N, C-alpha and C. Protein backbone atom coordinates (compact mmCIF):
# COMPACT_ATOMS: atom_id res chain seq x y z
N MET A 1 -43.18 -12.90 -41.70
CA MET A 1 -42.08 -12.97 -42.64
C MET A 1 -40.90 -12.21 -42.08
N LEU A 2 -39.78 -12.81 -42.14
CA LEU A 2 -38.58 -12.15 -41.68
C LEU A 2 -38.01 -11.28 -42.78
N GLY A 3 -37.52 -10.13 -42.38
CA GLY A 3 -36.83 -9.27 -43.32
C GLY A 3 -37.73 -8.49 -44.24
N CYS A 4 -39.00 -8.39 -43.97
CA CYS A 4 -39.87 -7.61 -44.85
C CYS A 4 -39.90 -6.17 -44.38
N ARG A 5 -40.28 -5.32 -45.26
CA ARG A 5 -40.33 -3.90 -44.94
C ARG A 5 -41.64 -3.58 -44.22
N ALA A 6 -41.53 -2.81 -43.16
CA ALA A 6 -42.72 -2.42 -42.40
C ALA A 6 -43.47 -1.34 -43.14
N PRO A 7 -44.78 -1.40 -43.11
CA PRO A 7 -45.55 -0.35 -43.79
C PRO A 7 -45.32 1.00 -43.10
N GLY A 8 -45.14 2.02 -43.88
CA GLY A 8 -44.95 3.36 -43.36
C GLY A 8 -43.53 3.67 -42.93
N ARG A 9 -42.62 2.72 -43.00
CA ARG A 9 -41.22 2.98 -42.61
C ARG A 9 -40.38 2.82 -43.85
N GLN A 10 -39.77 3.86 -44.23
CA GLN A 10 -39.03 3.89 -45.47
C GLN A 10 -37.60 3.37 -45.26
N GLY A 11 -37.24 2.33 -45.90
CA GLY A 11 -35.87 1.82 -45.89
C GLY A 11 -35.47 1.11 -44.62
N LYS A 12 -36.36 0.91 -43.67
CA LYS A 12 -36.02 0.24 -42.42
C LYS A 12 -36.48 -1.21 -42.50
N THR A 13 -35.64 -2.10 -42.14
CA THR A 13 -36.00 -3.51 -42.13
C THR A 13 -36.33 -3.90 -40.71
N VAL A 14 -37.44 -4.55 -40.52
CA VAL A 14 -37.88 -4.97 -39.20
C VAL A 14 -37.83 -6.49 -39.17
N SER A 15 -37.25 -7.04 -38.12
CA SER A 15 -37.24 -8.49 -37.96
C SER A 15 -37.87 -8.81 -36.63
N ARG A 16 -38.45 -9.97 -36.51
CA ARG A 16 -39.14 -10.35 -35.30
C ARG A 16 -38.15 -10.62 -34.17
N GLY A 17 -38.45 -10.06 -32.99
CA GLY A 17 -37.64 -10.34 -31.82
C GLY A 17 -36.34 -9.55 -31.73
N ARG A 18 -36.03 -8.77 -32.72
CA ARG A 18 -34.79 -7.98 -32.66
C ARG A 18 -35.12 -6.51 -32.83
N ARG A 19 -34.32 -5.69 -32.17
CA ARG A 19 -34.54 -4.25 -32.28
C ARG A 19 -33.74 -3.69 -33.45
N THR A 20 -34.14 -2.54 -33.89
CA THR A 20 -33.36 -1.86 -34.92
C THR A 20 -32.26 -1.07 -34.24
N ARG A 21 -31.31 -0.63 -34.99
CA ARG A 21 -30.19 0.13 -34.44
C ARG A 21 -30.66 1.44 -33.80
N GLU A 22 -31.74 2.00 -34.26
CA GLU A 22 -32.24 3.25 -33.68
C GLU A 22 -32.60 3.06 -32.21
N ASP A 23 -33.16 1.91 -31.85
CA ASP A 23 -33.59 1.65 -30.48
C ASP A 23 -32.41 1.50 -29.53
N GLU A 24 -31.25 1.12 -30.01
CA GLU A 24 -30.08 0.85 -29.16
C GLU A 24 -29.08 1.99 -29.15
N SER A 25 -29.37 3.10 -29.79
CA SER A 25 -28.40 4.19 -29.81
C SER A 25 -28.20 4.73 -28.40
N GLY A 26 -26.95 4.90 -27.99
CA GLY A 26 -26.61 5.39 -26.66
C GLY A 26 -26.50 4.30 -25.60
N SER A 27 -26.81 3.08 -25.92
CA SER A 27 -26.76 2.03 -24.90
C SER A 27 -25.31 1.67 -24.54
N ALA A 28 -24.38 1.85 -25.44
CA ALA A 28 -22.97 1.58 -25.13
C ALA A 28 -22.46 2.54 -24.05
N VAL A 29 -22.88 3.78 -24.11
CA VAL A 29 -22.46 4.76 -23.11
C VAL A 29 -23.03 4.39 -21.74
N VAL A 30 -24.29 3.99 -21.71
CA VAL A 30 -24.92 3.60 -20.45
C VAL A 30 -24.22 2.36 -19.90
N ASP A 31 -23.95 1.38 -20.75
CA ASP A 31 -23.24 0.18 -20.30
C ASP A 31 -21.87 0.53 -19.75
N PHE A 32 -21.16 1.41 -20.43
CA PHE A 32 -19.83 1.82 -19.99
C PHE A 32 -19.89 2.47 -18.62
N VAL A 33 -20.84 3.37 -18.40
CA VAL A 33 -20.97 4.06 -17.13
C VAL A 33 -21.31 3.08 -16.01
N LEU A 34 -22.22 2.15 -16.28
CA LEU A 34 -22.60 1.18 -15.25
C LEU A 34 -21.43 0.27 -14.86
N VAL A 35 -20.66 -0.16 -15.84
CA VAL A 35 -19.50 -0.99 -15.55
C VAL A 35 -18.43 -0.17 -14.84
N LEU A 36 -18.26 1.08 -15.25
CA LEU A 36 -17.26 1.95 -14.63
C LEU A 36 -17.59 2.23 -13.16
N LEU A 37 -18.87 2.35 -12.83
CA LEU A 37 -19.27 2.59 -11.45
C LEU A 37 -18.87 1.43 -10.53
N ILE A 38 -18.76 0.26 -11.08
CA ILE A 38 -18.35 -0.90 -10.29
C ILE A 38 -16.84 -1.08 -10.31
N LEU A 39 -16.25 -0.95 -11.48
CA LEU A 39 -14.82 -1.25 -11.63
C LEU A 39 -13.90 -0.17 -11.07
N LEU A 40 -14.26 1.09 -11.18
CA LEU A 40 -13.37 2.16 -10.72
C LEU A 40 -13.09 2.08 -9.22
N PRO A 41 -14.12 1.98 -8.35
CA PRO A 41 -13.81 1.83 -6.92
C PRO A 41 -13.03 0.55 -6.61
N LEU A 42 -13.31 -0.50 -7.34
CA LEU A 42 -12.59 -1.76 -7.14
C LEU A 42 -11.11 -1.60 -7.46
N VAL A 43 -10.80 -0.97 -8.58
CA VAL A 43 -9.41 -0.75 -8.98
C VAL A 43 -8.71 0.20 -8.00
N LEU A 44 -9.39 1.28 -7.60
CA LEU A 44 -8.79 2.22 -6.65
C LEU A 44 -8.56 1.55 -5.29
N GLY A 45 -9.46 0.69 -4.87
CA GLY A 45 -9.27 -0.06 -3.62
C GLY A 45 -8.07 -0.99 -3.70
N ILE A 46 -7.90 -1.66 -4.82
CA ILE A 46 -6.74 -2.54 -5.01
C ILE A 46 -5.45 -1.73 -4.98
N LEU A 47 -5.45 -0.57 -5.62
CA LEU A 47 -4.26 0.30 -5.59
C LEU A 47 -3.95 0.76 -4.17
N GLN A 48 -4.98 1.11 -3.38
CA GLN A 48 -4.76 1.54 -2.00
C GLN A 48 -4.16 0.42 -1.17
N VAL A 49 -4.70 -0.78 -1.30
CA VAL A 49 -4.16 -1.93 -0.56
C VAL A 49 -2.72 -2.19 -0.97
N ALA A 50 -2.43 -2.10 -2.27
CA ALA A 50 -1.06 -2.31 -2.75
C ALA A 50 -0.11 -1.26 -2.17
N LEU A 51 -0.54 0.00 -2.12
CA LEU A 51 0.30 1.05 -1.56
C LEU A 51 0.56 0.83 -0.08
N VAL A 52 -0.48 0.49 0.67
CA VAL A 52 -0.32 0.26 2.11
C VAL A 52 0.61 -0.92 2.35
N MET A 53 0.45 -1.99 1.60
CA MET A 53 1.33 -3.17 1.78
C MET A 53 2.78 -2.84 1.40
N HIS A 54 2.97 -2.06 0.34
CA HIS A 54 4.32 -1.66 -0.06
C HIS A 54 4.98 -0.84 1.04
N VAL A 55 4.25 0.14 1.57
CA VAL A 55 4.81 0.99 2.64
C VAL A 55 5.10 0.15 3.88
N ARG A 56 4.16 -0.72 4.26
CA ARG A 56 4.35 -1.57 5.44
C ARG A 56 5.58 -2.46 5.29
N ASN A 57 5.71 -3.13 4.15
CA ASN A 57 6.85 -4.02 3.94
C ASN A 57 8.17 -3.26 3.88
N THR A 58 8.16 -2.10 3.25
CA THR A 58 9.39 -1.29 3.15
C THR A 58 9.83 -0.81 4.53
N VAL A 59 8.89 -0.27 5.32
CA VAL A 59 9.24 0.23 6.64
C VAL A 59 9.62 -0.92 7.57
N SER A 60 8.92 -2.04 7.49
CA SER A 60 9.24 -3.20 8.31
C SER A 60 10.67 -3.69 8.03
N SER A 61 11.01 -3.78 6.78
CA SER A 61 12.36 -4.21 6.40
C SER A 61 13.40 -3.21 6.87
N ALA A 62 13.11 -1.92 6.71
CA ALA A 62 14.07 -0.89 7.13
C ALA A 62 14.26 -0.89 8.65
N LEU A 63 13.17 -1.06 9.41
CA LEU A 63 13.29 -1.09 10.86
C LEU A 63 14.04 -2.33 11.34
N ALA A 64 13.81 -3.46 10.71
CA ALA A 64 14.55 -4.68 11.07
C ALA A 64 16.05 -4.50 10.77
N GLU A 65 16.34 -3.89 9.64
CA GLU A 65 17.75 -3.64 9.30
C GLU A 65 18.37 -2.64 10.27
N GLY A 66 17.61 -1.62 10.65
CA GLY A 66 18.10 -0.64 11.63
C GLY A 66 18.33 -1.28 12.99
N ALA A 67 17.43 -2.16 13.41
CA ALA A 67 17.59 -2.86 14.69
C ALA A 67 18.82 -3.77 14.64
N ARG A 68 19.01 -4.47 13.51
CA ARG A 68 20.21 -5.32 13.37
C ARG A 68 21.49 -4.49 13.43
N PHE A 69 21.45 -3.32 12.77
CA PHE A 69 22.63 -2.45 12.79
C PHE A 69 22.89 -1.93 14.20
N ALA A 70 21.83 -1.54 14.92
CA ALA A 70 21.98 -1.02 16.29
C ALA A 70 22.48 -2.11 17.22
N ALA A 71 22.17 -3.37 16.92
CA ALA A 71 22.55 -4.49 17.80
C ALA A 71 23.99 -4.96 17.58
N THR A 72 24.66 -4.40 16.57
CA THR A 72 26.04 -4.82 16.34
C THR A 72 26.94 -4.29 17.44
N TRP A 73 28.10 -4.86 17.53
CA TRP A 73 29.02 -4.65 18.64
C TRP A 73 29.37 -3.19 18.88
N GLU A 74 29.65 -2.41 17.84
CA GLU A 74 30.14 -1.04 18.04
C GLU A 74 29.11 0.05 17.71
N ALA A 75 27.85 -0.31 17.48
CA ALA A 75 26.84 0.68 17.10
C ALA A 75 25.98 1.07 18.30
N THR A 76 25.29 2.19 18.14
CA THR A 76 24.36 2.68 19.16
C THR A 76 22.94 2.62 18.60
N PRO A 77 21.93 2.74 19.46
CA PRO A 77 20.56 2.78 18.95
C PRO A 77 20.32 3.94 17.97
N GLN A 78 20.99 5.07 18.22
CA GLN A 78 20.83 6.21 17.31
C GLN A 78 21.39 5.89 15.92
N ASP A 79 22.46 5.09 15.87
CA ASP A 79 22.99 4.65 14.57
C ASP A 79 21.96 3.79 13.84
N GLY A 80 21.29 2.92 14.58
CA GLY A 80 20.26 2.08 13.99
C GLY A 80 19.09 2.87 13.45
N VAL A 81 18.67 3.91 14.19
CA VAL A 81 17.58 4.76 13.74
C VAL A 81 17.98 5.48 12.45
N ALA A 82 19.19 5.99 12.41
CA ALA A 82 19.67 6.68 11.21
C ALA A 82 19.71 5.72 10.01
N LYS A 83 20.15 4.49 10.24
CA LYS A 83 20.20 3.48 9.17
C LYS A 83 18.79 3.16 8.67
N ALA A 84 17.84 2.96 9.60
CA ALA A 84 16.46 2.66 9.21
C ALA A 84 15.85 3.83 8.43
N ARG A 85 16.06 5.04 8.92
CA ARG A 85 15.52 6.23 8.25
C ARG A 85 16.06 6.35 6.83
N ALA A 86 17.36 6.12 6.67
CA ALA A 86 17.97 6.20 5.33
C ALA A 86 17.39 5.14 4.41
N GLN A 87 17.12 3.95 4.95
CA GLN A 87 16.59 2.86 4.12
C GLN A 87 15.17 3.15 3.64
N TYR A 88 14.27 3.54 4.54
CA TYR A 88 12.90 3.75 4.07
C TYR A 88 12.74 5.05 3.31
N ALA A 89 13.60 6.05 3.58
CA ALA A 89 13.52 7.32 2.86
C ALA A 89 13.92 7.15 1.39
N ALA A 90 14.70 6.13 1.09
CA ALA A 90 15.11 5.88 -0.30
C ALA A 90 13.96 5.30 -1.12
N ALA A 91 12.95 4.72 -0.48
CA ALA A 91 11.89 4.04 -1.22
C ALA A 91 10.52 4.72 -1.12
N ILE A 92 10.23 5.38 0.01
CA ILE A 92 8.91 5.99 0.19
C ILE A 92 9.07 7.40 0.74
N ASP A 93 7.97 8.13 0.80
CA ASP A 93 7.98 9.47 1.37
C ASP A 93 8.16 9.37 2.89
N PRO A 94 9.23 9.95 3.44
CA PRO A 94 9.46 9.86 4.90
C PRO A 94 8.34 10.48 5.73
N ALA A 95 7.50 11.31 5.12
CA ALA A 95 6.39 11.92 5.86
C ALA A 95 5.36 10.87 6.29
N PHE A 96 5.36 9.69 5.66
CA PHE A 96 4.44 8.61 6.04
C PHE A 96 4.81 8.01 7.39
N VAL A 97 6.07 8.16 7.82
CA VAL A 97 6.59 7.44 8.98
C VAL A 97 6.98 8.41 10.08
N ALA A 98 6.50 8.15 11.31
CA ALA A 98 6.92 8.93 12.47
C ALA A 98 8.34 8.50 12.86
N GLU A 99 8.99 9.27 13.69
CA GLU A 99 10.36 8.96 14.12
C GLU A 99 10.41 7.57 14.77
N PRO A 100 11.29 6.68 14.29
CA PRO A 100 11.40 5.35 14.90
C PRO A 100 11.86 5.43 16.36
N GLN A 101 11.32 4.55 17.18
CA GLN A 101 11.67 4.46 18.60
C GLN A 101 12.39 3.13 18.84
N VAL A 102 13.43 3.16 19.67
CA VAL A 102 14.19 1.95 19.99
C VAL A 102 14.04 1.66 21.47
N GLU A 103 13.76 0.40 21.79
CA GLU A 103 13.69 -0.01 23.19
C GLU A 103 14.45 -1.31 23.37
N LEU A 104 15.01 -1.48 24.56
CA LEU A 104 15.71 -2.71 24.90
C LEU A 104 14.68 -3.70 25.45
N VAL A 105 14.58 -4.86 24.81
CA VAL A 105 13.61 -5.88 25.21
C VAL A 105 14.34 -7.21 25.38
N THR A 106 13.61 -8.21 25.87
CA THR A 106 14.15 -9.56 25.98
C THR A 106 13.33 -10.48 25.07
N ILE A 107 14.03 -11.19 24.19
CA ILE A 107 13.39 -12.13 23.29
C ILE A 107 13.96 -13.51 23.59
N ASP A 108 13.12 -14.41 24.08
CA ASP A 108 13.54 -15.77 24.47
C ASP A 108 14.74 -15.74 25.41
N GLY A 109 14.75 -14.81 26.35
CA GLY A 109 15.80 -14.71 27.34
C GLY A 109 17.04 -13.96 26.89
N ALA A 110 17.08 -13.51 25.65
CA ALA A 110 18.26 -12.78 25.15
C ALA A 110 17.92 -11.30 25.02
N PRO A 111 18.87 -10.43 25.37
CA PRO A 111 18.61 -8.99 25.20
C PRO A 111 18.54 -8.64 23.71
N ALA A 112 17.63 -7.75 23.37
CA ALA A 112 17.44 -7.38 21.97
C ALA A 112 16.95 -5.94 21.88
N TYR A 113 17.10 -5.38 20.69
CA TYR A 113 16.52 -4.08 20.40
C TYR A 113 15.25 -4.29 19.59
N ARG A 114 14.21 -3.55 19.96
CA ARG A 114 12.99 -3.51 19.16
C ARG A 114 12.84 -2.08 18.66
N MET A 115 12.82 -1.94 17.35
CA MET A 115 12.65 -0.63 16.73
C MET A 115 11.24 -0.59 16.15
N SER A 116 10.47 0.43 16.51
CA SER A 116 9.10 0.53 16.02
C SER A 116 8.80 1.95 15.57
N ALA A 117 7.80 2.07 14.70
CA ALA A 117 7.40 3.39 14.20
C ALA A 117 5.93 3.35 13.83
N GLU A 118 5.27 4.49 14.01
CA GLU A 118 3.89 4.67 13.56
C GLU A 118 3.93 5.10 12.10
N VAL A 119 3.08 4.47 11.30
CA VAL A 119 3.01 4.77 9.87
C VAL A 119 1.59 5.21 9.55
N ALA A 120 1.45 6.26 8.75
CA ALA A 120 0.14 6.75 8.31
C ALA A 120 0.19 7.00 6.81
N VAL A 121 -0.55 6.19 6.06
CA VAL A 121 -0.55 6.29 4.60
C VAL A 121 -1.87 6.94 4.16
N PRO A 122 -1.80 8.11 3.48
CA PRO A 122 -3.04 8.73 3.00
C PRO A 122 -3.64 7.96 1.83
N ALA A 123 -4.90 8.23 1.55
CA ALA A 123 -5.60 7.56 0.45
C ALA A 123 -4.85 7.74 -0.86
N LEU A 124 -4.43 6.64 -1.45
CA LEU A 124 -3.66 6.60 -2.69
C LEU A 124 -2.41 7.46 -2.64
N GLY A 125 -1.93 7.76 -1.44
CA GLY A 125 -0.71 8.53 -1.29
C GLY A 125 -0.88 10.00 -1.59
N LEU A 126 -2.11 10.45 -1.81
CA LEU A 126 -2.35 11.84 -2.23
C LEU A 126 -2.83 12.74 -1.11
N GLY A 127 -3.62 12.24 -0.21
CA GLY A 127 -4.19 13.04 0.86
C GLY A 127 -5.51 12.45 1.27
N GLY A 128 -6.14 13.08 2.23
CA GLY A 128 -7.42 12.58 2.69
C GLY A 128 -7.26 11.67 3.89
N PRO A 129 -8.23 10.78 4.09
CA PRO A 129 -8.16 9.90 5.27
C PRO A 129 -6.93 8.99 5.19
N ARG A 130 -6.36 8.72 6.35
CA ARG A 130 -5.13 7.93 6.41
C ARG A 130 -5.38 6.56 7.00
N VAL A 131 -4.60 5.60 6.53
CA VAL A 131 -4.57 4.26 7.11
C VAL A 131 -3.36 4.25 8.04
N SER A 132 -3.57 4.07 9.36
CA SER A 132 -2.49 4.13 10.33
C SER A 132 -2.24 2.76 10.94
N PHE A 133 -0.97 2.45 11.17
CA PHE A 133 -0.58 1.19 11.79
C PHE A 133 0.82 1.32 12.36
N THR A 134 1.21 0.37 13.20
CA THR A 134 2.53 0.36 13.81
C THR A 134 3.33 -0.79 13.21
N VAL A 135 4.59 -0.50 12.91
CA VAL A 135 5.50 -1.50 12.33
C VAL A 135 6.71 -1.61 13.25
N SER A 136 7.26 -2.81 13.39
CA SER A 136 8.45 -2.97 14.24
C SER A 136 9.39 -3.99 13.65
N GLY A 137 10.64 -3.92 14.11
CA GLY A 137 11.68 -4.87 13.75
C GLY A 137 12.52 -5.17 14.97
N ASN A 138 13.00 -6.41 15.10
CA ASN A 138 13.76 -6.83 16.27
C ASN A 138 15.12 -7.37 15.87
N ALA A 139 16.07 -7.30 16.81
CA ALA A 139 17.38 -7.91 16.60
C ALA A 139 18.02 -8.21 17.95
N ILE A 140 18.57 -9.41 18.08
CA ILE A 140 19.29 -9.82 19.29
C ILE A 140 20.62 -9.08 19.33
N LEU A 141 20.98 -8.59 20.52
CA LEU A 141 22.25 -7.87 20.68
C LEU A 141 23.44 -8.81 20.52
N GLU A 142 24.45 -8.33 19.84
CA GLU A 142 25.69 -9.09 19.75
C GLU A 142 26.39 -9.08 21.10
N PRO A 143 26.98 -10.18 21.48
CA PRO A 143 27.73 -10.16 22.75
C PRO A 143 28.99 -9.32 22.59
N GLY A 144 29.39 -8.72 23.66
CA GLY A 144 30.61 -7.89 23.64
C GLY A 144 30.33 -6.57 24.31
N PRO A 145 31.35 -5.76 24.47
CA PRO A 145 31.16 -4.46 25.14
C PRO A 145 30.28 -3.55 24.28
N ARG A 146 29.38 -2.83 24.91
CA ARG A 146 28.53 -1.85 24.24
C ARG A 146 29.18 -0.50 24.33
N PRO A 147 28.87 0.42 23.40
CA PRO A 147 29.42 1.78 23.51
C PRO A 147 29.04 2.41 24.83
N GLY A 148 29.97 3.01 25.48
CA GLY A 148 29.74 3.66 26.76
C GLY A 148 29.94 2.73 27.95
N GLU A 149 30.15 1.44 27.71
CA GLU A 149 30.38 0.49 28.79
C GLU A 149 31.87 0.24 28.92
N GLU A 150 32.28 -0.08 30.11
CA GLU A 150 33.69 -0.43 30.36
C GLU A 150 33.93 -1.85 29.85
N SER A 151 35.10 -2.11 29.24
CA SER A 151 35.38 -3.47 28.78
C SER A 151 36.23 -4.22 29.77
C-alpha cells in the first residue's frame, strides 16, 4: 500500500521506491561540491585563456602600430618603440611585456621594420607560473629620406 504509516515510526510516511527526506539531508551540499570541483577549474582556465588572448592581441596591435609609426618618413625606430609602449601601457600592465626590439628586415623584397617583444602573463594576472610567448608587428618603410640620411 502506498502512503501507509510504517509500524514503529511516528508521523513518517513511507512510500515504495522513494526515500524520505531524512535520508537525503546534506545531499545538496555534496552535489554542490562535486559540481564545483569540475566547474571551478574549467571557469578559471577559460579566464586564463581569455587574459592571455587579450594581452597577446593588445601587444600585437600596439607593436604593429609602433612599427607603422617607425616606418613613416620622418620617424625613427625609437619613436616607434615609444608609440608601441604607450599603446599597450594604456590597456595592460607594462610589466607583462619586455622592451620591444626593432630590426630592419625584408618583406617580399621591400625593406621593413619588424618590432617584437617577449610577453609573460602570470596565472590570472596575479602571480605564479607564467605563460610566455613572442609577439611581433611589421611595417614596410615609406620611401623617402630617413632621419640621419642625406637627401
